[in-house]
Each structure stands twice: as C-alpha cells, then as structure tokens.
Amino acid sequence: MAKIFCVANQKGGVGKTTTTVNLAAGLAKIGQRVLMIDLDPQGNATMGSGVDKRKLEHTIYDVLLESATVAQTRVKSEKLIKAGCSYDIVGANRELTGAEVELVTLERREKRLKQALVAVDQDYDFILIDCPPSLSMLTLNGLCCANGVIVPMQCEYFALEGLTDLVNTIKQVHANLNKDLVIIGLLRVMFDPRITLQQQVSEQLTAHFGGKVFNTVIPRNVRLAEAPSYGLPGVVFDPSSKGAQAFVLFAQELAARVWAK
C-alpha cells in the first residue's frame, strides 16, 4: 500500500515544487516506486519532471472530473528513463484552473482524488502530491487523501507565521475530513548557514517541533535552481551537486522513517 504525502505550504515561493520533483527523483533513485501528482494549475512540477504540459492527452483535471482514470493519465518522462531515475507523473496545466469552479457543485468534491487513487494504490511505494500555495478545493483534495504532509520551509521569520496557518488548516482537515492526516515533518530548504537569522529560526523549529523536523537540510544551491529550465529534477540534472545529494539523503531519511513504523 502506497504512502501518500502532500508537499504543502500556504506561503508561496518556499520550494514546494522543487521539493516534490527532487524527492520523487531521490526516492526513485533508491529503488522506490513513485507516482508524482501535480495539483498546481501552473504545471511546474510536470515541466520540471521532463513532461510537456501542453502535449498531455489527459491531466489531473480529467481525473478529478472522472473523465479519465489515474492509470489512463499517468505518463513517464523519456529524459528520466534515460537517466535511470524514473517515476510516474500525473500532470497538470492551465485547464486545472477551471476545476476549482466545476468541483464546487459536484458530489464528493473534496474526495475525488482519494477515490481515484484507490485503483493504483498497490502500484507504488510513495505517492507525492504537489499542492498549490492557496487553501483551495485542489489542495483540499490532496489533504483528504494523504497520510501526511511534508512541509518545506525557509528558515525566515515570515515562514514561521505561514507555518502556523498551515498547522491550523491540517488540524481542521484532520478533525472533519481525514483522521489519518498528520504532519510527517518539516524540511528546511534554501538554507544558508552563514546567515545568523536562518540558524536562529532553525534552532527555534527544532526546539518547538522536535522529531518532526527532518535531520536533512537542503542547502541553497544554484544547480537546483537551474535544473527546471532543462526539464529535469536537480537530482538528475547534476547528481554531484550539494543540493542533489541532500535530496537523495532526504529520500533515504523519509523512507527509513516511513518503513520503520
């Protein structure tokens, strides 16, 4: 049975998509079967995984409106297959923006993704969902089917405020829609140890959340930032870079934490 994790943070620009695609690639690299679902209409996770969102026959939009199954929608990237680091992708494009309005009037609107994933649950070890930054019907679909949430965050003051909002959202979803939902862990990303404030916020996080903070820290890394323009996760684009190596370590830590339970 697959472990389903949302990568979420209600604050924009904190590296959710970078985390999703590189974690997917990192897990694939250590031998895990992975499905990545792009729930953001921008489709950045789709493009960053080597798939052209404009050429997709089906997208997550079709899955949510039940006009296609996950099995019919998932694709593989030729680039990732060649790199020996492949995972399945359910892509997204601008069409997904319309789903927000269309879902409002439909039955089971917040649990459509959950039902769609039942059919492929045995095919994967991990299902990762890249959520949009807002608390929308799309994000709600992700949270309703997830076993937990991975929260990427920068060690800055405003990030702490955003984290408070997210924790409250998760508590509400846990209470009303998904009893299994918990925070799996906080991942410190774009970290620069030379900046005193980042060190202080990192220490605050560890003091307050304890074991919920992943040991792995993702450094600020140029190669990770360059990788999407080549349609590749950083783990594949430059495996020797510090950012790529950190994500592989994070994949190992997550897998060890999950399968130890």
Protein backbone atom coordinates (compact mmCIF):
# COMPACT_ATOMS: atom_id res chain seq x y z
CA MET A 1 0.00 0.00 0.00
CA ALA A 2 1.39 3.36 -1.04
CA LYS A 3 2.20 6.11 1.42
CA ILE A 4 0.55 9.29 0.16
CA PHE A 5 2.18 12.58 1.08
CA CYS A 6 1.22 16.14 0.21
CA VAL A 7 4.02 18.65 -0.16
CA ALA A 8 2.28 21.77 1.09
CA ASN A 9 2.80 25.22 2.50
CA GLN A 10 0.33 28.09 2.27
CA LYS A 11 3.21 30.51 1.76
CA GLY A 12 4.33 30.80 -1.88
CA GLY A 13 7.90 30.59 -3.11
CA VAL A 14 9.19 28.22 -0.44
CA GLY A 15 10.30 25.43 -2.75
CA LYS A 16 7.28 23.09 -2.75
CA THR A 17 7.66 22.07 -6.38
CA THR A 18 11.45 21.78 -6.15
CA THR A 19 10.97 19.55 -3.11
CA THR A 20 8.32 17.40 -4.80
CA VAL A 21 10.21 16.65 -8.01
CA ASN A 22 13.57 16.12 -6.32
CA LEU A 23 12.10 13.94 -3.59
CA ALA A 24 10.33 11.89 -6.27
CA ALA A 25 13.61 11.51 -8.18
CA GLY A 26 15.52 10.77 -4.97
CA LEU A 27 13.06 8.05 -3.94
CA ALA A 28 13.19 6.56 -7.44
CA LYS A 29 16.98 6.59 -7.25
CA ILE A 30 16.95 4.47 -4.09
CA GLY A 31 14.61 1.94 -5.67
CA GLN A 32 11.16 3.12 -4.59
CA ARG A 33 8.13 3.04 -6.91
CA VAL A 34 6.87 6.62 -7.10
CA LEU A 35 3.87 8.46 -8.53
CA MET A 36 4.01 12.26 -8.58
CA ILE A 37 0.76 14.19 -8.92
CA ASP A 38 0.81 17.84 -9.97
CA LEU A 39 -2.15 19.65 -8.38
CA ASP A 40 -0.98 23.14 -9.31
CA PRO A 41 -2.50 24.74 -12.46
CA GLN A 42 0.90 26.25 -13.25
CA GLY A 43 2.12 22.74 -14.05
CA ASN A 44 5.66 23.45 -12.88
CA ALA A 45 6.15 20.01 -11.34
CA THR A 46 5.04 18.48 -14.65
CA MET A 47 7.52 20.51 -16.70
CA GLY A 48 10.24 20.03 -14.07
CA SER A 49 9.84 16.27 -14.47
CA GLY A 50 10.56 16.41 -18.19
CA VAL A 51 6.94 16.30 -19.42
CA ASP A 52 5.49 18.95 -21.76
CA LYS A 53 2.23 20.00 -20.10
CA ARG A 54 0.90 21.35 -23.43
CA LYS A 55 1.03 17.92 -25.07
CA LEU A 56 -0.72 15.87 -22.38
CA GLU A 57 -3.70 13.83 -23.56
CA HIS A 58 -5.10 13.65 -20.04
CA THR A 59 -4.27 15.60 -16.87
CA ILE A 60 -5.25 15.60 -13.21
CA TYR A 61 -8.19 17.78 -14.31
CA ASP A 62 -9.70 14.75 -16.10
CA VAL A 63 -9.09 12.56 -13.06
CA LEU A 64 -10.89 14.98 -10.73
CA LEU A 65 -13.86 15.28 -13.10
CA GLU A 66 -13.83 11.48 -13.51
CA SER A 67 -13.45 11.55 -17.29
CA ALA A 68 -10.17 9.57 -17.05
CA THR A 69 -8.53 7.25 -14.52
CA VAL A 70 -5.09 7.66 -12.97
CA ALA A 71 -3.90 4.65 -14.99
CA GLN A 72 -5.04 6.36 -18.21
CA THR A 73 -3.49 9.68 -17.21
CA ARG A 74 -0.06 8.78 -15.80
CA VAL A 75 2.95 9.19 -18.05
CA LYS A 76 6.70 8.68 -17.85
CA SER A 77 9.44 11.10 -18.89
CA GLU A 78 11.85 9.82 -21.52
CA LYS A 79 14.54 12.04 -20.01
CA LEU A 80 14.16 10.38 -16.61
CA ILE A 81 14.02 6.88 -18.08
CA LYS A 82 17.35 7.51 -19.82
CA ALA A 83 18.79 8.78 -16.53
CA GLY A 84 17.66 5.60 -14.75
CA CYS A 85 15.68 7.65 -12.25
CA SER A 86 12.11 7.35 -13.49
CA TYR A 87 8.80 7.90 -11.73
CA ASP A 88 5.21 8.12 -12.97
CA ILE A 89 3.64 11.55 -13.43
CA VAL A 90 0.03 12.73 -13.42
CA GLY A 91 0.48 16.15 -14.95
CA ALA A 92 -1.36 19.45 -14.81
CA ASN A 93 -1.79 22.53 -16.98
CA ARG A 94 -3.89 25.71 -17.05
CA GLU A 95 -7.00 23.62 -17.67
CA LEU A 96 -6.90 22.74 -13.99
CA THR A 97 -7.86 26.30 -13.06
CA GLY A 98 -11.40 25.54 -14.25
CA ALA A 99 -11.67 22.52 -11.98
CA GLU A 100 -11.81 24.82 -8.98
CA VAL A 101 -15.16 26.22 -10.11
CA GLU A 102 -16.53 22.98 -11.56
CA LEU A 103 -15.85 20.93 -8.43
CA VAL A 104 -17.89 23.24 -6.19
CA THR A 105 -21.23 21.91 -7.43
CA LEU A 106 -20.24 18.23 -7.63
CA GLU A 107 -20.79 15.43 -5.13
CA ARG A 108 -17.79 14.13 -3.15
CA ARG A 109 -15.93 17.19 -4.38
CA GLU A 110 -13.12 17.05 -1.81
CA LYS A 111 -12.61 13.26 -2.01
CA ARG A 112 -12.39 12.67 -5.74
CA LEU A 113 -8.63 12.29 -5.78
CA LYS A 114 -8.79 9.87 -2.87
CA GLN A 115 -11.22 7.63 -4.71
CA ALA A 116 -9.21 7.83 -7.94
CA LEU A 117 -6.03 6.66 -6.19
CA VAL A 118 -7.60 3.50 -4.76
CA ALA A 119 -7.20 1.73 -8.12
CA VAL A 120 -3.41 2.31 -8.28
CA ASP A 121 -2.57 2.12 -4.59
CA GLN A 122 -0.73 -1.20 -4.93
CA ASP A 123 1.40 0.03 -7.84
CA TYR A 124 3.52 2.39 -5.75
CA ASP A 125 5.51 2.74 -2.56
CA PHE A 126 5.08 6.54 -2.47
CA ILE A 127 2.59 8.96 -4.00
CA LEU A 128 3.70 12.59 -3.78
CA ILE A 129 1.28 15.46 -4.38
CA ASP A 130 2.49 18.95 -5.27
CA CYS A 131 -0.15 21.33 -3.88
CA PRO A 132 -0.84 24.93 -4.89
CA PRO A 133 0.02 27.58 -2.27
CA SER A 134 -3.58 28.54 -1.53
CA LEU A 135 -6.06 26.52 0.51
CA SER A 136 -8.27 25.67 -2.44
CA MET A 137 -10.51 22.78 -3.46
CA LEU A 138 -7.45 21.32 -5.18
CA THR A 139 -5.34 21.45 -2.01
CA LEU A 140 -8.27 20.02 -0.06
CA ASN A 141 -8.41 17.03 -2.44
CA GLY A 142 -4.73 16.44 -1.76
CA LEU A 143 -5.09 16.71 2.02
CA CYS A 144 -8.14 14.45 2.10
CA CYS A 145 -6.30 11.52 0.53
CA ALA A 146 -2.92 11.95 2.22
CA ASN A 147 -1.39 10.01 5.09
CA GLY A 148 0.60 13.09 5.93
CA VAL A 149 2.07 16.43 4.95
CA ILE A 150 5.68 17.27 4.22
CA VAL A 151 6.25 20.98 4.84
CA PRO A 152 9.19 22.61 3.04
CA MET A 153 10.08 25.91 4.62
CA GLN A 154 12.75 28.56 4.62
CA CYS A 155 14.24 29.50 7.94
CA GLU A 156 12.90 33.05 7.95
CA TYR A 157 10.56 34.93 10.26
CA PHE A 158 7.54 35.13 7.92
CA ALA A 159 7.85 31.41 7.22
CA LEU A 160 7.02 30.76 10.88
CA GLU A 161 3.79 32.73 10.51
CA GLY A 162 2.84 30.74 7.41
CA LEU A 163 3.57 27.52 9.28
CA THR A 164 1.07 28.48 11.99
CA ASP A 165 -1.66 28.89 9.35
CA LEU A 166 -0.82 25.53 7.78
CA VAL A 167 -0.86 23.72 11.11
CA ASN A 168 -4.34 25.12 11.82
CA THR A 169 -5.55 24.03 8.37
CA ILE A 170 -4.22 20.50 8.90
CA LYS A 171 -5.95 20.33 12.28
CA GLN A 172 -9.27 21.31 10.67
CA VAL A 173 -8.93 18.76 7.87
CA HIS A 174 -7.91 16.11 10.41
CA ALA A 175 -10.96 16.85 12.55
CA ASN A 176 -13.52 16.99 9.75
CA LEU A 177 -12.35 15.12 6.66
CA ASN A 178 -9.27 12.92 7.15
CA LYS A 179 -8.49 11.36 10.52
CA ASP A 180 -5.19 9.96 9.18
CA LEU A 181 -3.72 13.36 8.30
CA VAL A 182 -0.65 14.41 10.27
CA ILE A 183 2.46 16.48 9.67
CA ILE A 184 5.13 13.98 8.67
CA GLY A 185 7.89 16.50 9.04
CA LEU A 186 9.31 19.95 8.36
CA LEU A 187 12.04 20.20 5.74
CA ARG A 188 14.43 23.13 5.95
CA VAL A 189 15.13 24.29 2.38
CA MET A 190 17.24 27.00 0.71
CA PHE A 191 19.32 27.03 3.87
CA ASP A 192 22.40 29.22 4.15
CA PRO A 193 24.33 28.53 7.38
CA ARG A 194 26.20 31.85 7.02
CA ILE A 195 23.01 33.78 7.82
CA THR A 196 22.55 34.11 11.58
CA LEU A 197 18.76 34.55 11.36
CA GLN A 198 18.39 31.27 9.48
CA GLN A 199 20.39 29.46 12.15
CA GLN A 200 18.20 31.00 14.86
CA VAL A 201 14.93 30.07 13.14
CA SER A 202 16.26 26.56 12.51
CA GLU A 203 17.01 26.20 16.23
CA GLN A 204 13.52 27.51 17.09
CA LEU A 205 11.94 24.94 14.79
CA THR A 206 13.91 22.10 16.32
CA ALA A 207 13.15 23.26 19.85
CA HIS A 208 9.41 23.57 19.18
CA PHE A 209 8.74 20.64 16.82
CA GLY A 210 11.50 18.25 17.93
CA GLY A 211 11.42 15.00 15.94
CA LYS A 212 9.03 16.49 13.40
CA VAL A 213 11.95 18.40 11.88
CA PHE A 214 13.83 16.26 9.35
CA ASN A 215 17.54 15.88 10.04
CA THR A 216 18.35 16.55 6.40
CA VAL A 217 18.78 20.20 5.45
CA ILE A 218 18.56 21.29 1.79
CA PRO A 219 21.16 24.00 1.09
CA ARG A 220 20.66 26.98 -1.15
CA ASN A 221 22.04 25.64 -4.43
CA VAL A 222 22.36 27.16 -7.89
CA ARG A 223 22.17 23.79 -9.66
CA LEU A 224 18.76 23.06 -8.12
CA ALA A 225 17.53 26.42 -9.39
CA GLU A 226 18.92 25.79 -12.89
CA ALA A 227 17.50 22.28 -13.29
CA PRO A 228 13.84 23.18 -14.12
CA SER A 229 14.90 25.15 -17.20
CA TYR A 230 16.26 21.84 -18.55
CA GLY A 231 13.07 19.98 -17.63
CA LEU A 232 14.85 17.86 -15.03
CA PRO A 233 14.93 17.45 -11.25
CA GLY A 234 18.22 18.64 -9.76
CA VAL A 235 18.89 15.07 -8.61
CA VAL A 236 19.12 14.07 -12.30
CA PHE A 237 20.48 17.34 -13.75
CA ASP A 238 23.60 17.40 -11.58
CA PRO A 239 23.78 14.39 -9.22
CA SER A 240 27.10 15.60 -7.79
CA SER A 241 25.76 18.97 -6.62
CA LYS A 242 25.24 19.57 -2.92
CA GLY A 243 21.51 20.16 -3.44
CA ALA A 244 21.03 16.88 -5.33
CA GLN A 245 22.99 14.91 -2.75
CA ALA A 246 20.92 16.47 0.03
CA PHE A 247 17.66 15.41 -1.64
CA VAL A 248 18.88 11.82 -2.01
CA LEU A 249 19.74 11.85 1.70
CA PHE A 250 16.29 13.25 2.41
CA ALA A 251 14.67 10.47 0.35
CA GLN A 252 16.62 7.90 2.38
CA GLU A 253 15.62 9.56 5.66
CA LEU A 254 11.94 9.71 4.67
CA ALA A 255 11.88 6.09 3.50
CA ALA A 256 13.59 4.95 6.71
CA ARG A 257 11.17 6.96 8.84
CA VAL A 258 8.09 5.66 7.00
CA TRP A 259 9.01 1.99 6.77
CA ALA A 260 10.25 1.89 10.38
CA LYS A 261 6.68 2.42 11.55
